[in-house]
Amino acid sequence: MTTTFIQGLVLSLGLIVAIGAQNAFVLRQGLRREHVGSVVLFCAVADAVLITAGVLGMAQALGESPGLARALALAGAVFLAVYGWRALRRARLPQQLNAADGGEGLSRGAAVAQAAAFTLLNPHVYLDTVLLVGSIGAQQPAALRGWFVAGASTASLFWFGLLGFGARWLAPWFARPRAWQVLDGLIGITMWVLAALLVRHAFTTS
């Protein structure tokens, strides 16, 4: 139970912690202290819904096809291995996450609409949450899938909450290229470990 929760947490956190438009927007709203709760809640709930849909949909699709389950586990392992390699390659290059604190203020509706656009119009969110996280979660025992979803959803809530409500403290840290290099290095190693676990799962599951 705890292991399944942690696996979902670590996988989701490894995928979501990245330099991108959605994270920059949440950080910006946090710096401005403008509708932070609404933006954080939308991003976290959207991830939770997509993850749940992915796990439930994949569980149904894989239920009668162990061969497909094994193929998806191996495909997921390859994806995570490549993702980890890319993270380790990024760790060699200086990067930073900046969010402008200026510009015009947004209404609550406009802020949530922008959060929705950054979240739902990004094709990678469906690859990450629905396909990858969904297929891995669906291969958990039925009684533990809820714990996997809870772990993955907790990672989203934690990360977006940290970005939004801790923005003024975190912004200088995120602007340091060295910090992202260390973080990408840790993400790369974590993704490789998860890939190895997926390969083991593929060949030990009948």
Protein backbone atom coordinates (compact mmCIF):
# COMPACT_ATOMS: atom_id res chain seq x y z
CA MET A 1 0.00 0.00 0.00
CA THR A 2 2.66 2.51 1.05
CA THR A 3 5.00 1.34 -1.71
CA THR A 4 2.27 1.78 -4.33
CA PHE A 5 1.45 5.28 -3.03
CA ILE A 6 5.13 6.27 -3.15
CA GLN A 7 5.55 4.84 -6.65
CA GLY A 8 2.67 6.97 -7.92
CA LEU A 9 4.01 10.00 -6.04
CA VAL A 10 7.56 9.68 -7.37
CA LEU A 11 6.52 8.93 -10.94
CA SER A 12 4.13 11.88 -11.14
CA LEU A 13 6.58 14.24 -9.44
CA GLY A 14 9.37 13.23 -11.79
CA LEU A 15 7.19 13.99 -14.81
CA ILE A 16 5.68 17.25 -13.57
CA VAL A 17 8.81 18.97 -12.26
CA ALA A 18 10.13 20.66 -15.38
CA ILE A 19 10.76 24.03 -16.94
CA GLY A 20 7.59 24.77 -18.88
CA ALA A 21 4.81 27.25 -19.55
CA GLN A 22 2.38 25.80 -17.00
CA ASN A 23 4.90 25.90 -14.15
CA ALA A 24 6.01 29.39 -15.13
CA PHE A 25 2.37 30.57 -15.09
CA VAL A 26 1.68 29.10 -11.65
CA LEU A 27 4.90 30.68 -10.38
CA ARG A 28 3.89 34.04 -11.88
CA GLN A 29 0.51 33.96 -10.16
CA GLY A 30 2.24 33.09 -6.92
CA LEU A 31 4.63 36.02 -7.27
CA ARG A 32 1.69 38.34 -7.87
CA ARG A 33 -0.36 36.66 -5.10
CA GLU A 34 -3.24 36.68 -7.55
CA HIS A 35 -5.90 33.92 -7.47
CA VAL A 36 -3.21 31.48 -6.36
CA GLY A 37 -5.61 29.06 -4.71
CA SER A 38 -7.86 28.84 -7.75
CA VAL A 39 -4.98 28.28 -10.16
CA VAL A 40 -3.28 25.68 -7.95
CA LEU A 41 -6.57 23.87 -7.34
CA PHE A 42 -7.44 23.75 -11.04
CA CYS A 43 -4.03 22.38 -12.07
CA ALA A 44 -4.04 19.76 -9.31
CA VAL A 45 -7.64 18.65 -9.93
CA ALA A 46 -7.09 18.49 -13.70
CA ASP A 47 -4.09 16.21 -13.16
CA ALA A 48 -6.04 14.03 -10.71
CA VAL A 49 -8.95 13.64 -13.16
CA LEU A 50 -6.64 12.77 -16.07
CA ILE A 51 -4.64 10.30 -13.95
CA THR A 52 -7.82 8.63 -12.66
CA ALA A 53 -9.26 8.41 -16.17
CA GLY A 54 -6.01 6.95 -17.42
CA VAL A 55 -5.76 4.31 -14.69
CA LEU A 56 -9.42 3.26 -14.96
CA GLY A 57 -9.43 3.25 -18.76
CA MET A 58 -6.14 1.39 -19.01
CA ALA A 59 -7.26 -1.11 -16.35
CA GLN A 60 -10.30 -1.96 -18.43
CA ALA A 61 -8.26 -2.22 -21.63
CA LEU A 62 -5.55 -4.36 -20.05
CA GLY A 63 -7.80 -6.55 -17.94
CA GLU A 64 -8.22 -9.22 -20.60
CA SER A 65 -4.91 -8.77 -22.37
CA PRO A 66 -1.80 -9.65 -20.33
CA GLY A 67 0.24 -9.50 -23.53
CA LEU A 68 -0.76 -5.88 -24.07
CA ALA A 69 -0.03 -5.14 -20.41
CA ARG A 70 3.50 -6.49 -20.83
CA ALA A 71 4.01 -4.54 -24.06
CA LEU A 72 2.87 -1.31 -22.43
CA ALA A 73 5.08 -1.96 -19.41
CA LEU A 74 8.10 -2.36 -21.68
CA ALA A 75 7.10 0.69 -23.75
CA GLY A 76 6.73 2.68 -20.53
CA ALA A 77 10.17 1.50 -19.41
CA VAL A 78 11.67 2.69 -22.69
CA PHE A 79 9.89 6.03 -22.36
CA LEU A 80 11.13 6.50 -18.78
CA ALA A 81 14.66 5.48 -19.75
CA VAL A 82 14.69 8.05 -22.56
CA TYR A 83 13.08 10.66 -20.29
CA GLY A 84 15.74 9.97 -17.67
CA TRP A 85 18.50 10.24 -20.26
CA ARG A 86 17.12 13.58 -21.44
CA ALA A 87 16.94 14.83 -17.84
CA LEU A 88 20.57 13.82 -17.27
CA ARG A 89 21.54 15.55 -20.50
CA ARG A 90 19.70 18.70 -19.34
CA ALA A 91 21.63 18.48 -16.09
CA ARG A 92 24.79 19.26 -18.07
CA LEU A 93 23.32 22.50 -19.41
CA PRO A 94 22.45 25.63 -17.42
CA GLN A 95 18.71 26.40 -17.40
CA GLN A 96 16.40 28.50 -15.29
CA LEU A 97 12.72 29.09 -14.69
CA ASN A 98 11.76 32.76 -14.70
CA ALA A 99 8.30 34.21 -14.19
CA ALA A 100 7.72 37.90 -14.80
CA ASP A 101 6.12 39.66 -11.85
CA GLY A 102 4.90 42.53 -13.99
CA GLY A 103 2.11 42.91 -16.52
CA GLU A 104 -1.60 43.46 -16.08
CA GLY A 105 -3.59 41.68 -13.42
CA LEU A 106 -6.01 38.91 -14.36
CA SER A 107 -9.53 38.27 -13.18
CA ARG A 108 -10.14 34.93 -11.47
CA GLY A 109 -11.90 33.60 -14.56
CA ALA A 110 -9.10 34.71 -16.87
CA ALA A 111 -6.46 33.20 -14.58
CA VAL A 112 -8.23 29.83 -14.47
CA ALA A 113 -8.81 29.96 -18.24
CA GLN A 114 -5.10 30.47 -18.82
CA ALA A 115 -4.29 27.65 -16.41
CA ALA A 116 -6.71 25.43 -18.37
CA ALA A 117 -5.05 26.34 -21.65
CA PHE A 118 -1.54 25.65 -20.33
CA THR A 119 -2.74 22.33 -18.90
CA LEU A 120 -5.20 20.89 -21.40
CA LEU A 121 -3.79 22.21 -24.68
CA ASN A 122 -0.40 20.66 -23.98
CA PRO A 123 -0.31 17.27 -25.75
CA HIS A 124 2.39 16.01 -23.39
CA VAL A 125 -0.05 16.10 -20.47
CA TYR A 126 -2.08 13.33 -22.07
CA LEU A 127 1.01 11.27 -22.85
CA ASP A 128 2.24 11.66 -19.27
CA THR A 129 -0.93 11.39 -17.20
CA VAL A 130 -3.36 9.34 -19.27
CA LEU A 131 -1.09 6.99 -21.19
CA LEU A 132 2.10 6.59 -19.16
CA VAL A 133 0.87 7.07 -15.57
CA GLY A 134 -2.44 5.42 -16.48
CA SER A 135 -0.83 2.29 -17.93
CA ILE A 136 1.54 1.90 -14.98
CA GLY A 137 -1.23 2.47 -12.45
CA ALA A 138 -3.51 0.02 -14.25
CA GLN A 139 -0.96 -2.75 -13.75
CA GLN A 140 -1.18 -2.42 -9.98
CA PRO A 141 -3.43 -4.92 -8.15
CA ALA A 142 -7.03 -3.69 -8.25
CA ALA A 143 -7.07 -3.03 -4.48
CA LEU A 144 -3.99 -0.80 -4.75
CA ARG A 145 -4.89 1.31 -7.79
CA GLY A 146 -6.59 3.89 -5.62
CA TRP A 147 -3.38 4.30 -3.62
CA PHE A 148 -1.38 4.76 -6.81
CA VAL A 149 -3.82 7.43 -8.03
CA ALA A 150 -3.70 9.10 -4.60
CA GLY A 151 0.10 9.20 -4.68
CA ALA A 152 0.25 10.59 -8.20
CA SER A 153 -2.44 13.18 -7.44
CA THR A 154 -0.71 14.19 -4.20
CA ALA A 155 2.46 14.89 -6.18
CA SER A 156 0.56 17.34 -8.41
CA LEU A 157 -1.10 19.07 -5.46
CA PHE A 158 2.23 19.31 -3.62
CA TRP A 159 4.15 20.66 -6.61
CA PHE A 160 1.62 23.24 -7.74
CA GLY A 161 0.99 24.30 -4.15
CA LEU A 162 4.73 24.71 -3.63
CA LEU A 163 5.05 26.75 -6.80
CA GLY A 164 2.06 28.97 -6.12
CA PHE A 165 2.19 29.56 -2.37
CA GLY A 166 5.97 29.41 -2.04
CA ALA A 167 6.68 31.49 -5.14
CA ARG A 168 8.35 34.46 -3.46
CA TRP A 169 10.71 32.20 -1.56
CA LEU A 170 11.31 29.75 -4.42
CA ALA A 171 11.66 32.17 -7.36
CA PRO A 172 15.33 33.05 -6.65
CA TRP A 173 16.13 29.33 -6.29
CA PHE A 174 14.41 28.46 -9.57
CA ALA A 175 16.39 31.22 -11.28
CA ARG A 176 19.64 29.42 -10.42
CA PRO A 177 20.77 27.17 -13.27
CA ARG A 178 22.77 25.00 -10.84
CA ALA A 179 19.62 24.16 -8.87
CA TRP A 180 17.89 22.84 -12.00
CA GLN A 181 20.98 20.88 -12.95
CA VAL A 182 20.91 19.06 -9.60
CA LEU A 183 17.15 18.54 -9.84
CA ASP A 184 17.37 17.17 -13.40
CA GLY A 185 20.12 14.81 -12.27
CA LEU A 186 17.92 13.42 -9.49
CA ILE A 187 14.95 13.12 -11.87
CA GLY A 188 17.07 11.26 -14.43
CA ILE A 189 18.25 8.70 -11.88
CA THR A 190 14.72 8.28 -10.51
CA MET A 191 13.28 7.68 -13.98
CA TRP A 192 15.91 5.01 -14.66
CA VAL A 193 15.06 3.24 -11.41
CA LEU A 194 11.36 3.27 -12.28
CA ALA A 195 12.16 1.99 -15.77
CA ALA A 196 14.08 -0.93 -14.26
CA LEU A 197 11.14 -1.71 -11.96
CA LEU A 198 8.79 -1.71 -14.97
CA VAL A 199 11.01 -4.14 -16.86
CA ARG A 200 11.07 -6.45 -13.85
CA HIS A 201 7.30 -6.18 -13.56
CA ALA A 202 6.87 -7.03 -17.26
CA PHE A 203 8.83 -10.25 -16.95
CA THR A 204 7.55 -11.40 -13.58
CA THR A 205 3.85 -10.95 -14.35
CA SER A 206 2.18 -13.88 -16.00
